[in-house]
Amino acid sequence: YNTNKQGLPFHQGVGSYGTRFVDDNVYSTSITRLAKPNSIL
């Protein structure tokens, strides 16, 4: 995990939920499971 935008945005749960769209604050350089743009979380 990192906060300097290395890799892809990482979301663990509702803590990063926004009003409608998730807020990209934490990133991961390890790619496990991916969600495409416009996916419903």
PDB file of all heavy atoms in Angstrom:
ATOM      1  N   TYR A   1       0.833  -1.191   0.000  1.00  0.00           N
ATOM      2  CA  TYR A   1       0.000   0.000   0.000  1.00  0.00           C
ATOM      3  C   TYR A   1       0.875   1.250   0.000  1.00  0.00           C
ATOM      4  O   TYR A   1       1.978   1.271   0.549  1.00  0.00           O
ATOM      5  CB  TYR A   1      -0.901   0.061   1.241  1.00  0.00           C
ATOM      6  CG  TYR A   1      -1.842  -1.110   1.421  1.00  0.00           C
ATOM      7  CD1 TYR A   1      -2.527  -1.277   2.623  1.00  0.00           C
ATOM      8  CD2 TYR A   1      -2.051  -2.053   0.421  1.00  0.00           C
ATOM      9  CE1 TYR A   1      -3.390  -2.345   2.819  1.00  0.00           C
ATOM     10  CE2 TYR A   1      -2.909  -3.121   0.611  1.00  0.00           C
ATOM     11  CZ  TYR A   1      -3.579  -3.268   1.812  1.00  0.00           C
ATOM     12  OH  TYR A   1      -4.430  -4.320   2.005  1.00  0.00           O
ATOM     13  N   ASN A   2       0.352   2.338  -0.593  1.00  0.00           N
ATOM     14  CA  ASN A   2       1.048   3.624  -0.562  1.00  0.00           C
ATOM     15  C   ASN A   2       0.042   4.742  -0.811  1.00  0.00           C
ATOM     16  O   ASN A   2      -1.075   4.488  -1.260  1.00  0.00           O
ATOM     17  CB  ASN A   2       2.184   3.674  -1.588  1.00  0.00           C
ATOM     18  CG  ASN A   2       1.678   3.664  -3.026  1.00  0.00           C
ATOM     19  OD1 ASN A   2       1.387   4.719  -3.595  1.00  0.00           O
ATOM     20  ND2 ASN A   2       1.526   2.478  -3.617  1.00  0.00           N
ATOM     21  N   THR A   3       0.451   5.963  -0.514  1.00  0.00           N
ATOM     22  CA  THR A   3      -0.403   7.133  -0.749  1.00  0.00           C
ATOM     23  C   THR A   3       0.211   8.088  -1.774  1.00  0.00           C
ATOM     24  O   THR A   3      -0.270   9.207  -1.923  1.00  0.00           O
ATOM     25  CB  THR A   3      -0.656   7.891   0.568  1.00  0.00           C
ATOM     26  OG1 THR A   3       0.604   8.228   1.162  1.00  0.00           O
ATOM     27  CG2 THR A   3      -1.476   7.047   1.531  1.00  0.00           C
ATOM     28  N   ASN A   4       1.266   7.660  -2.440  1.00  0.00           N
ATOM     29  CA  ASN A   4       1.907   8.532  -3.442  1.00  0.00           C
ATOM     30  C   ASN A   4       1.603   8.091  -4.876  1.00  0.00           C
ATOM     31  O   ASN A   4       2.394   8.310  -5.795  1.00  0.00           O
ATOM     32  CB  ASN A   4       3.420   8.630  -3.209  1.00  0.00           C
ATOM     33  CG  ASN A   4       4.080   7.267  -3.093  1.00  0.00           C
ATOM     34  OD1 ASN A   4       3.425   6.247  -3.318  1.00  0.00           O
ATOM     35  ND2 ASN A   4       5.342   7.244  -2.740  1.00  0.00           N
ATOM     36  N   LYS A   5       0.456   7.441  -5.051  1.00  0.00           N
ATOM     37  CA  LYS A   5      -0.121   7.127  -6.365  1.00  0.00           C
ATOM     38  C   LYS A   5       0.725   6.167  -7.196  1.00  0.00           C
ATOM     39  O   LYS A   5       0.720   6.236  -8.430  1.00  0.00           O
ATOM     40  CB  LYS A   5      -0.396   8.424  -7.151  1.00  0.00           C
ATOM     41  CG  LYS A   5      -1.367   9.352  -6.443  1.00  0.00           C
ATOM     42  CD  LYS A   5      -1.764  10.540  -7.299  1.00  0.00           C
ATOM     43  CE  LYS A   5      -2.786  11.419  -6.581  1.00  0.00           C
ATOM     44  NZ  LYS A   5      -3.221  12.563  -7.387  1.00  0.00           N
ATOM     45  N   GLN A   6       1.410   5.255  -6.515  1.00  0.00           N
ATOM     46  CA  GLN A   6       2.136   4.204  -7.227  1.00  0.00           C
ATOM     47  C   GLN A   6       1.223   2.991  -7.385  1.00  0.00           C
ATOM     48  O   GLN A   6       0.639   2.511  -6.419  1.00  0.00           O
ATOM     49  CB  GLN A   6       3.403   3.813  -6.464  1.00  0.00           C
ATOM     50  CG  GLN A   6       4.442   4.919  -6.401  1.00  0.00           C
ATOM     51  CD  GLN A   6       5.698   4.487  -5.665  1.00  0.00           C
ATOM     52  OE1 GLN A   6       5.835   3.333  -5.281  1.00  0.00           O
ATOM     53  NE2 GLN A   6       6.613   5.414  -5.459  1.00  0.00           N
ATOM     54  N   GLY A   7       1.104   2.503  -8.623  1.00  0.00           N
ATOM     55  CA  GLY A   7       0.214   1.383  -8.895  1.00  0.00           C
ATOM     56  C   GLY A   7      -1.189   1.859  -9.229  1.00  0.00           C
ATOM     57  O   GLY A   7      -1.378   2.889  -9.893  1.00  0.00           O
ATOM     58  N   LEU A   8      -2.188   1.124  -8.741  1.00  0.00           N
ATOM     59  CA  LEU A   8      -3.591   1.449  -8.991  1.00  0.00           C
ATOM     60  C   LEU A   8      -4.282   1.818  -7.681  1.00  0.00           C
ATOM     61  O   LEU A   8      -3.868   1.379  -6.599  1.00  0.00           O
ATOM     62  CB  LEU A   8      -4.315   0.248  -9.615  1.00  0.00           C
ATOM     63  CG  LEU A   8      -3.958  -0.109 -11.056  1.00  0.00           C
ATOM     64  CD1 LEU A   8      -4.667  -1.396 -11.466  1.00  0.00           C
ATOM     65  CD2 LEU A   8      -4.320   1.017 -12.005  1.00  0.00           C
ATOM     66  N   PRO A   9      -5.368   2.624  -7.752  1.00  0.00           N
ATOM     67  CA  PRO A   9      -6.131   2.913  -6.529  1.00  0.00           C
ATOM     68  C   PRO A   9      -6.601   1.620  -5.871  1.00  0.00           C
ATOM     69  O   PRO A   9      -7.023   0.683  -6.561  1.00  0.00           O
ATOM     70  CB  PRO A   9      -7.319   3.732  -7.034  1.00  0.00           C
ATOM     71  CG  PRO A   9      -6.867   4.323  -8.320  1.00  0.00           C
ATOM     72  CD  PRO A   9      -5.936   3.316  -8.932  1.00  0.00           C
ATOM     73  N   PHE A  10      -6.520   1.577  -4.548  1.00  0.00           N
ATOM     74  CA  PHE A  10      -6.933   0.393  -3.795  1.00  0.00           C
ATOM     75  C   PHE A  10      -8.071   0.762  -2.844  1.00  0.00           C
ATOM     76  O   PHE A  10      -7.997   1.753  -2.123  1.00  0.00           O
ATOM     77  CB  PHE A  10      -5.759  -0.166  -2.988  1.00  0.00           C
ATOM     78  CG  PHE A  10      -6.163  -1.229  -2.006  1.00  0.00           C
ATOM     79  CD1 PHE A  10      -6.656  -2.451  -2.448  1.00  0.00           C
ATOM     80  CD2 PHE A  10      -6.074  -1.000  -0.642  1.00  0.00           C
ATOM     81  CE1 PHE A  10      -7.051  -3.424  -1.555  1.00  0.00           C
ATOM     82  CE2 PHE A  10      -6.465  -1.980   0.274  1.00  0.00           C
ATOM     83  CZ  PHE A  10      -6.953  -3.198  -0.184  1.00  0.00           C
ATOM     84  N   HIS A  11      -9.106  -0.083  -2.854  1.00  0.00           N
ATOM     85  CA  HIS A  11     -10.273   0.153  -1.992  1.00  0.00           C
ATOM     86  C   HIS A  11     -10.608  -1.124  -1.247  1.00  0.00           C
ATOM     87  O   HIS A  11     -10.818  -2.170  -1.858  1.00  0.00           O
ATOM     88  CB  HIS A  11     -11.466   0.638  -2.816  1.00  0.00           C
ATOM     89  CG  HIS A  11     -11.222   1.969  -3.453  1.00  0.00           C
ATOM     90  ND1 HIS A  11     -11.484   3.159  -2.816  1.00  0.00           N
ATOM     91  CD2 HIS A  11     -10.706   2.301  -4.667  1.00  0.00           C
ATOM     92  CE1 HIS A  11     -11.148   4.162  -3.600  1.00  0.00           C
ATOM     93  NE2 HIS A  11     -10.677   3.664  -4.732  1.00  0.00           N
ATOM     94  N   GLN A  12     -10.677  -0.978   0.088  1.00  0.00           N
ATOM     95  CA  GLN A  12     -10.882  -2.126   0.966  1.00  0.00           C
ATOM     96  C   GLN A  12     -12.329  -2.268   1.404  1.00  0.00           C
ATOM     97  O   GLN A  12     -12.828  -3.371   1.580  1.00  0.00           O
ATOM     98  CB  GLN A  12      -9.994  -1.949   2.211  1.00  0.00           C
ATOM     99  CG  GLN A  12     -10.102  -3.050   3.231  1.00  0.00           C
ATOM    100  CD  GLN A  12      -9.330  -4.287   2.831  1.00  0.00           C
ATOM    101  OE1 GLN A  12      -9.767  -5.050   1.989  1.00  0.00           O
ATOM    102  NE2 GLN A  12      -8.172  -4.473   3.424  1.00  0.00           N
ATOM    103  N   GLY A  13     -13.016  -1.117   1.585  1.00  0.00           N
ATOM    104  CA  GLY A  13     -14.389  -1.153   2.088  1.00  0.00           C
ATOM    105  C   GLY A  13     -15.027   0.212   1.992  1.00  0.00           C
ATOM    106  O   GLY A  13     -14.586   1.071   1.214  1.00  0.00           O
ATOM    107  N   VAL A  14     -16.044   0.447   2.817  1.00  0.00           N
ATOM    108  CA  VAL A  14     -16.839   1.671   2.707  1.00  0.00           C
ATOM    109  C   VAL A  14     -16.090   2.913   3.207  1.00  0.00           C
ATOM    110  O   VAL A  14     -16.564   4.032   3.003  1.00  0.00           O
ATOM    111  CB  VAL A  14     -18.176   1.540   3.462  1.00  0.00           C
ATOM    112  CG1 VAL A  14     -19.011   0.413   2.882  1.00  0.00           C
ATOM    113  CG2 VAL A  14     -17.948   1.332   4.959  1.00  0.00           C
ATOM    114  N   GLY A  15     -14.942   2.729   3.850  1.00  0.00           N
ATOM    115  CA  GLY A  15     -14.180   3.876   4.342  1.00  0.00           C
ATOM    116  C   GLY A  15     -13.742   4.825   3.247  1.00  0.00           C
ATOM    117  O   GLY A  15     -13.511   6.014   3.503  1.00  0.00           O
ATOM    118  N   SER A  16     -13.635   4.335   2.015  1.00  0.00           N
ATOM    119  CA  SER A  16     -13.228   5.193   0.900  1.00  0.00           C
ATOM    120  C   SER A  16     -14.400   5.560  -0.003  1.00  0.00           C
ATOM    121  O   SER A  16     -14.209   6.108  -1.084  1.00  0.00           O
ATOM    122  CB  SER A  16     -12.135   4.499   0.069  1.00  0.00           C
ATOM    123  OG  SER A  16     -12.589   3.248  -0.422  1.00  0.00           O
ATOM    124  N   TYR A  17     -15.628   5.262   0.439  1.00  0.00           N
ATOM    125  CA  TYR A  17     -16.799   5.638  -0.344  1.00  0.00           C
ATOM    126  C   TYR A  17     -16.984   7.157  -0.321  1.00  0.00           C
ATOM    127  O   TYR A  17     -16.782   7.808   0.699  1.00  0.00           O
ATOM    128  CB  TYR A  17     -18.064   4.999   0.245  1.00  0.00           C
ATOM    129  CG  TYR A  17     -18.359   3.597  -0.224  1.00  0.00           C
ATOM    130  CD1 TYR A  17     -17.378   2.789  -0.797  1.00  0.00           C
ATOM    131  CD2 TYR A  17     -19.629   3.054  -0.072  1.00  0.00           C
ATOM    132  CE1 TYR A  17     -17.671   1.498  -1.213  1.00  0.00           C
ATOM    133  CE2 TYR A  17     -19.934   1.770  -0.480  1.00  0.00           C
ATOM    134  CZ  TYR A  17     -18.952   0.994  -1.051  1.00  0.00           C
ATOM    135  OH  TYR A  17     -19.248  -0.281  -1.461  1.00  0.00           O
ATOM    136  N   GLY A  18     -17.395   7.704  -1.471  1.00  0.00           N
ATOM    137  CA  GLY A  18     -17.774   9.098  -1.550  1.00  0.00           C
ATOM    138  C   GLY A  18     -19.278   9.224  -1.617  1.00  0.00           C
ATOM    139  O   GLY A  18     -20.025   8.276  -1.336  1.00  0.00           O
ATOM    140  N   THR A  19     -19.750  10.421  -2.007  1.00  0.00           N
ATOM    141  CA  THR A  19     -21.188  10.633  -2.138  1.00  0.00           C
ATOM    142  C   THR A  19     -21.799   9.644  -3.117  1.00  0.00           C
ATOM    143  O   THR A  19     -22.870   9.090  -2.888  1.00  0.00           O
ATOM    144  CB  THR A  19     -21.471  12.070  -2.609  1.00  0.00           C
ATOM    145  OG1 THR A  19     -20.873  12.980  -1.690  1.00  0.00           O
ATOM    146  CG2 THR A  19     -22.955  12.348  -2.704  1.00  0.00           C
ATOM    147  N   ARG A  20     -21.092   9.392  -4.181  1.00  0.00           N
ATOM    148  CA  ARG A  20     -21.565   8.462  -5.216  1.00  0.00           C
ATOM    149  C   ARG A  20     -20.417   7.598  -5.750  1.00  0.00           C
ATOM    150  O   ARG A  20     -20.589   6.423  -6.043  1.00  0.00           O
ATOM    151  CB  ARG A  20     -22.177   9.291  -6.353  1.00  0.00           C
ATOM    152  CG  ARG A  20     -22.440   8.532  -7.649  1.00  0.00           C
ATOM    153  CD  ARG A  20     -23.781   7.847  -7.643  1.00  0.00           C
ATOM    154  NE  ARG A  20     -24.116   7.372  -8.976  1.00  0.00           N
ATOM    155  CZ  ARG A  20     -25.336   7.106  -9.392  1.00  0.00           C
ATOM    156  NH1 ARG A  20     -26.339   7.279  -8.572  1.00  0.00           N
ATOM    157  NH2 ARG A  20     -25.563   6.674 -10.608  1.00  0.00           N
ATOM    158  N   PHE A  21     -19.230   8.223  -5.845  1.00  0.00           N
ATOM    159  CA  PHE A  21     -18.051   7.565  -6.406  1.00  0.00           C
ATOM    160  C   PHE A  21     -16.957   7.458  -5.342  1.00  0.00           C
ATOM    161  O   PHE A  21     -16.806   8.347  -4.509  1.00  0.00           O
ATOM    162  CB  PHE A  21     -17.519   8.352  -7.609  1.00  0.00           C
ATOM    163  CG  PHE A  21     -18.532   8.545  -8.701  1.00  0.00           C
ATOM    164  CD1 PHE A  21     -19.325   9.681  -8.746  1.00  0.00           C
ATOM    165  CD2 PHE A  21     -18.711   7.585  -9.676  1.00  0.00           C
ATOM    166  CE1 PHE A  21     -20.267   9.870  -9.739  1.00  0.00           C
ATOM    167  CE2 PHE A  21     -19.656   7.755 -10.687  1.00  0.00           C
ATOM    168  CZ  PHE A  21     -20.436   8.902 -10.726  1.00  0.00           C
ATOM    169  N   VAL A  22     -16.182   6.373  -5.412  1.00  0.00           N
ATOM    170  CA  VAL A  22     -15.136   6.167  -4.417  1.00  0.00           C
ATOM    171  C   VAL A  22     -14.042   7.234  -4.537  1.00  0.00           C
ATOM    172  O   VAL A  22     -13.785   7.760  -5.617  1.00  0.00           O
ATOM    173  CB  VAL A  22     -14.506   4.765  -4.537  1.00  0.00           C
ATOM    174  CG1 VAL A  22     -15.440   3.712  -4.014  1.00  0.00           C
ATOM    175  CG2 VAL A  22     -14.087   4.460  -5.968  1.00  0.00           C
ATOM    176  N   ASP A  23     -13.414   7.545  -3.410  1.00  0.00           N
ATOM    177  CA  ASP A  23     -12.313   8.501  -3.353  1.00  0.00           C
ATOM    178  C   ASP A  23     -10.997   7.729  -3.404  1.00  0.00           C
ATOM    179  O   ASP A  23     -10.733   6.892  -2.535  1.00  0.00           O
ATOM    180  CB  ASP A  23     -12.367   9.324  -2.057  1.00  0.00           C
ATOM    181  CG  ASP A  23     -13.650  10.137  -1.954  1.00  0.00           C
ATOM    182  OD1 ASP A  23     -14.086  10.677  -2.986  1.00  0.00           O
ATOM    183  OD2 ASP A  23     -14.204  10.225  -0.839  1.00  0.00           O
ATOM    184  N   ASP A  24     -10.175   8.025  -4.410  1.00  0.00           N
ATOM    185  CA  ASP A  24      -8.904   7.312  -4.581  1.00  0.00           C
ATOM    186  C   ASP A  24      -7.823   7.963  -3.724  1.00  0.00           C
ATOM    187  O   ASP A  24      -7.214   8.962  -4.129  1.00  0.00           O
ATOM    188  CB  ASP A  24      -8.481   7.333  -6.060  1.00  0.00           C
ATOM    189  CG  ASP A  24      -9.460   6.591  -6.956  1.00  0.00           C
ATOM    190  OD1 ASP A  24     -10.146   5.693  -6.449  1.00  0.00           O
ATOM    191  OD2 ASP A  24      -9.537   6.912  -8.156  1.00  0.00           O
ATOM    192  N   ASN A  25      -7.576   7.400  -2.551  1.00  0.00           N
ATOM    193  CA  ASN A  25      -6.557   7.934  -1.643  1.00  0.00           C
ATOM    194  C   ASN A  25      -5.400   6.969  -1.431  1.00  0.00           C
ATOM    195  O   ASN A  25      -4.251   7.382  -1.327  1.00  0.00           O
ATOM    196  CB  ASN A  25      -7.189   8.271  -0.285  1.00  0.00           C
ATOM    197  CG  ASN A  25      -8.236   9.361  -0.390  1.00  0.00           C
ATOM    198  OD1 ASN A  25      -8.016  10.359  -1.073  1.00  0.00           O
ATOM    199  ND2 ASN A  25      -9.372   9.174   0.251  1.00  0.00           N
ATOM    200  N   VAL A  26      -5.701   5.674  -1.350  1.00  0.00           N
ATOM    201  CA  VAL A  26      -4.681   4.646  -1.138  1.00  0.00           C
ATOM    202  C   VAL A  26      -4.471   3.883  -2.430  1.00  0.00           C
ATOM    203  O   VAL A  26      -5.419   3.622  -3.178  1.00  0.00           O
ATOM    204  CB  VAL A  26      -5.111   3.689  -0.002  1.00  0.00           C
ATOM    205  CG1 VAL A  26      -4.093   2.570   0.188  1.00  0.00           C
ATOM    206  CG2 VAL A  26      -5.307   4.456   1.296  1.00  0.00           C
ATOM    207  N   TYR A  27      -3.208   3.522  -2.694  1.00  0.00           N
ATOM    208  CA  TYR A  27      -2.843   2.809  -3.922  1.00  0.00           C
ATOM    209  C   TYR A  27      -2.136   1.513  -3.566  1.00  0.00           C
ATOM    210  O   TYR A  27      -1.629   1.340  -2.454  1.00  0.00           O
ATOM    211  CB  TYR A  27      -1.948   3.687  -4.801  1.00  0.00           C
ATOM    212  CG  TYR A  27      -2.693   4.841  -5.445  1.00  0.00           C
ATOM    213  CD1 TYR A  27      -3.125   5.922  -4.688  1.00  0.00           C
ATOM    214  CD2 TYR A  27      -2.987   4.831  -6.812  1.00  0.00           C
ATOM    215  CE1 TYR A  27      -3.832   6.971  -5.268  1.00  0.00           C
ATOM    216  CE2 TYR A  27      -3.688   5.882  -7.394  1.00  0.00           C
ATOM    217  CZ  TYR A  27      -4.106   6.940  -6.622  1.00  0.00           C
ATOM    218  OH  TYR A  27      -4.799   7.972  -7.190  1.00  0.00           O
ATOM    219  N   SER A  28      -2.101   0.596  -4.533  1.00  0.00           N
ATOM    220  CA  SER A  28      -1.413  -0.678  -4.330  1.00  0.00           C
ATOM    221  C   SER A  28      -0.568  -1.013  -5.557  1.00  0.00           C
ATOM    222  O   SER A  28      -1.038  -0.863  -6.693  1.00  0.00           O
ATOM    223  CB  SER A  28      -2.418  -1.803  -4.076  1.00  0.00           C
ATOM    224  OG  SER A  28      -1.765  -3.056  -4.028  1.00  0.00           O
ATOM    225  N   THR A  29       0.652  -1.461  -5.308  1.00  0.00           N
ATOM    226  CA  THR A  29       1.524  -1.910  -6.404  1.00  0.00           C
ATOM    227  C   THR A  29       1.354  -3.400  -6.652  1.00  0.00           C
ATOM    228  O   THR A  29       1.910  -3.948  -7.597  1.00  0.00           O
ATOM    229  CB  THR A  29       2.993  -1.596  -6.080  1.00  0.00           C
ATOM    230  OG1 THR A  29       3.320  -2.141  -4.792  1.00  0.00           O
ATOM    231  CG2 THR A  29       3.234  -0.094  -6.062  1.00  0.00           C
ATOM    232  N   SER A  30       0.581  -4.064  -5.785  1.00  0.00           N
ATOM    233  CA  SER A  30       0.249  -5.470  -5.988  1.00  0.00           C
ATOM    234  C   SER A  30      -1.180  -5.561  -6.506  1.00  0.00           C
ATOM    235  O   SER A  30      -2.103  -5.055  -5.882  1.00  0.00           O
ATOM    236  CB  SER A  30       0.377  -6.239  -4.668  1.00  0.00           C
ATOM    237  OG  SER A  30      -0.084  -7.571  -4.819  1.00  0.00           O
ATOM    238  N   ILE A  31      -1.333  -6.172  -7.654  1.00  0.00           N
ATOM    239  CA  ILE A  31      -2.650  -6.236  -8.289  1.00  0.00           C
ATOM    240  C   ILE A  31      -3.278  -7.592  -7.985  1.00  0.00           C
ATOM    241  O   ILE A  31      -2.796  -8.628  -8.442  1.00  0.00           O
ATOM    242  CB  ILE A  31      -2.541  -6.025  -9.813  1.00  0.00           C
ATOM    243  CG1 ILE A  31      -1.714  -4.771 -10.130  1.00  0.00           C
ATOM    244  CG2 ILE A  31      -3.922  -5.958 -10.438  1.00  0.00           C
ATOM    245  CD1 ILE A  31      -2.236  -3.503  -9.511  1.00  0.00           C
ATOM    246  N   THR A  32      -4.357  -7.575  -7.195  1.00  0.00           N
ATOM    247  CA  THR A  32      -5.050  -8.823  -6.872  1.00  0.00           C
ATOM    248  C   THR A  32      -6.320  -8.921  -7.716  1.00  0.00           C
ATOM    249  O   THR A  32      -6.301  -9.421  -8.821  1.00  0.00           O
ATOM    250  CB  THR A  32      -5.376  -8.876  -5.368  1.00  0.00           C
ATOM    251  OG1 THR A  32      -6.001  -7.640  -4.967  1.00  0.00           O
ATOM    252  CG2 THR A  32      -4.100  -9.071  -4.549  1.00  0.00           C
ATOM    253  N   ARG A  33      -7.429  -8.397  -7.199  1.00  0.00           N
ATOM    254  CA  ARG A  33      -8.688  -8.416  -7.949  1.00  0.00           C
ATOM    255  C   ARG A  33      -8.998  -7.012  -8.456  1.00  0.00           C
ATOM    256  O   ARG A  33      -8.909  -6.046  -7.696  1.00  0.00           O
ATOM    257  CB  ARG A  33      -9.825  -8.905  -7.066  1.00  0.00           C
ATOM    258  CG  ARG A  33      -9.592 -10.287  -6.473  1.00  0.00           C
ATOM    259  CD  ARG A  33      -9.732 -11.390  -7.525  1.00  0.00           C
ATOM    260  NE  ARG A  33      -9.313 -12.674  -7.000  1.00  0.00           N
ATOM    261  CZ  ARG A  33     -10.050 -13.456  -6.216  1.00  0.00           C
ATOM    262  NH1 ARG A  33     -11.267 -13.054  -5.860  1.00  0.00           N
ATOM    263  NH2 ARG A  33      -9.595 -14.610  -5.792  1.00  0.00           N
ATOM    264  N   LEU A  34      -9.394  -6.922  -9.719  1.00  0.00           N
ATOM    265  CA  LEU A  34      -9.622  -5.628 -10.354  1.00  0.00           C
ATOM    266  C   LEU A  34     -11.110  -5.346 -10.543  1.00  0.00           C
ATOM    267  O   LEU A  34     -11.898  -6.253 -10.820  1.00  0.00           O
ATOM    268  CB  LEU A  34      -8.926  -5.574 -11.711  1.00  0.00           C
ATOM    269  CG  LEU A  34      -7.397  -5.465 -11.711  1.00  0.00           C
ATOM    270  CD1 LEU A  34      -6.865  -5.607 -13.131  1.00  0.00           C
ATOM    271  CD2 LEU A  34      -6.964  -4.134 -11.125  1.00  0.00           C
ATOM    272  N   ALA A  35     -11.462  -4.077 -10.435  1.00  0.00           N
ATOM    273  CA  ALA A  35     -12.784  -3.589 -10.821  1.00  0.00           C
ATOM    274  C   ALA A  35     -12.604  -2.608 -11.968  1.00  0.00           C
ATOM    275  O   ALA A  35     -11.742  -1.737 -11.919  1.00  0.00           O
ATOM    276  CB  ALA A  35     -13.468  -2.909  -9.643  1.00  0.00           C
ATOM    277  N   LYS A  36     -13.416  -2.754 -13.001  1.00  0.00           N
ATOM    278  CA  LYS A  36     -13.328  -1.889 -14.172  1.00  0.00           C
ATOM    279  C   LYS A  36     -13.936  -0.517 -13.880  1.00  0.00           C
ATOM    280  O   LYS A  36     -14.709  -0.369 -12.920  1.00  0.00           O
ATOM    281  CB  LYS A  36     -14.073  -2.532 -15.347  1.00  0.00           C
ATOM    282  CG  LYS A  36     -13.533  -3.882 -15.786  1.00  0.00           C
ATOM    283  CD  LYS A  36     -14.252  -4.409 -17.016  1.00  0.00           C
ATOM    284  CE  LYS A  36     -15.690  -4.769 -16.706  1.00  0.00           C
ATOM    285  NZ  LYS A  36     -16.361  -5.442 -17.855  1.00  0.00           N
ATOM    286  N   PRO A  37     -13.610   0.493 -14.709  1.00  0.00           N
ATOM    287  CA  PRO A  37     -14.308   1.779 -14.568  1.00  0.00           C
ATOM    288  C   PRO A  37     -15.817   1.581 -14.704  1.00  0.00           C
ATOM    289  O   PRO A  37     -16.279   0.752 -15.489  1.00  0.00           O
ATOM    290  CB  PRO A  37     -13.743   2.609 -15.730  1.00  0.00           C
ATOM    291  CG  PRO A  37     -12.402   2.015 -16.016  1.00  0.00           C
ATOM    292  CD  PRO A  37     -12.558   0.542 -15.750  1.00  0.00           C
ATOM    293  N   ASN A  38     -16.574   2.345 -13.916  1.00  0.00           N
ATOM    294  CA  ASN A  38     -18.034   2.297 -13.889  1.00  0.00           C
ATOM    295  C   ASN A  38     -18.578   0.995 -13.302  1.00  0.00           C
ATOM    296  O   ASN A  38     -19.748   0.662 -13.501  1.00  0.00           O
ATOM    297  CB  ASN A  38     -18.647   2.526 -15.281  1.00  0.00           C
ATOM    298  CG  ASN A  38     -20.086   3.004 -15.193  1.00  0.00           C
ATOM    299  OD1 ASN A  38     -20.446   3.775 -14.307  1.00  0.00           O
ATOM    300  ND2 ASN A  38     -20.931   2.520 -16.092  1.00  0.00           N
ATOM    301  N   SER A  39     -17.740   0.270 -12.553  1.00  0.00           N
ATOM    302  CA  SER A  39     -18.241  -0.898 -11.827  1.00  0.00           C
ATOM    303  C   SER A  39     -19.027  -0.438 -10.602  1.00  0.00           C
ATOM    304  O   SER A  39     -18.729   0.598 -10.004  1.00  0.00           O
ATOM    305  CB  SER A  39     -17.086  -1.788 -11.368  1.00  0.00           C
ATOM    306  OG  SER A  39     -16.410  -2.374 -12.462  1.00  0.00           O
ATOM    307  N   ILE A  40     -20.013  -1.236 -10.232  1.00  0.00           N
ATOM    308  CA  ILE A  40     -20.751  -0.998  -8.981  1.00  0.00           C
ATOM    309  C   ILE A  40     -20.030  -1.740  -7.869  1.00  0.00           C
ATOM    310  O   ILE A  40     -19.775  -2.948  -7.983  1.00  0.00           O
ATOM    311  CB  ILE A  40     -22.200  -1.498  -9.096  1.00  0.00           C
ATOM    312  CG1 ILE A  40     -22.938  -0.736 -10.201  1.00  0.00           C
ATOM    313  CG2 ILE A  40     -22.934  -1.361  -7.766  1.00  0.00           C
ATOM    314  CD1 ILE A  40     -24.229  -1.397 -10.643  1.00  0.00           C
ATOM    315  N   LEU A  41     -19.666  -1.021  -6.812  1.00  0.00           N
ATOM    316  CA  LEU A  41     -19.021  -1.652  -5.664  1.00  0.00           C
ATOM    317  C   LEU A  41     -20.079  -1.969  -4.612  1.00  0.00           C
ATOM    318  O   LEU A  41     -20.900  -1.120  -4.264  1.00  0.00           O
ATOM    319  CB  LEU A  41     -17.951  -0.737  -5.073  1.00  0.00           C
ATOM    320  CG  LEU A  41     -16.759  -0.427  -5.980  1.00  0.00           C
ATOM    321  CD1 LEU A  41     -15.745   0.432  -5.241  1.00  0.00           C
ATOM    322  CD2 LEU A  41     -16.097  -1.703  -6.497  1.00  0.00           C
TER     323      LEU A  41
END
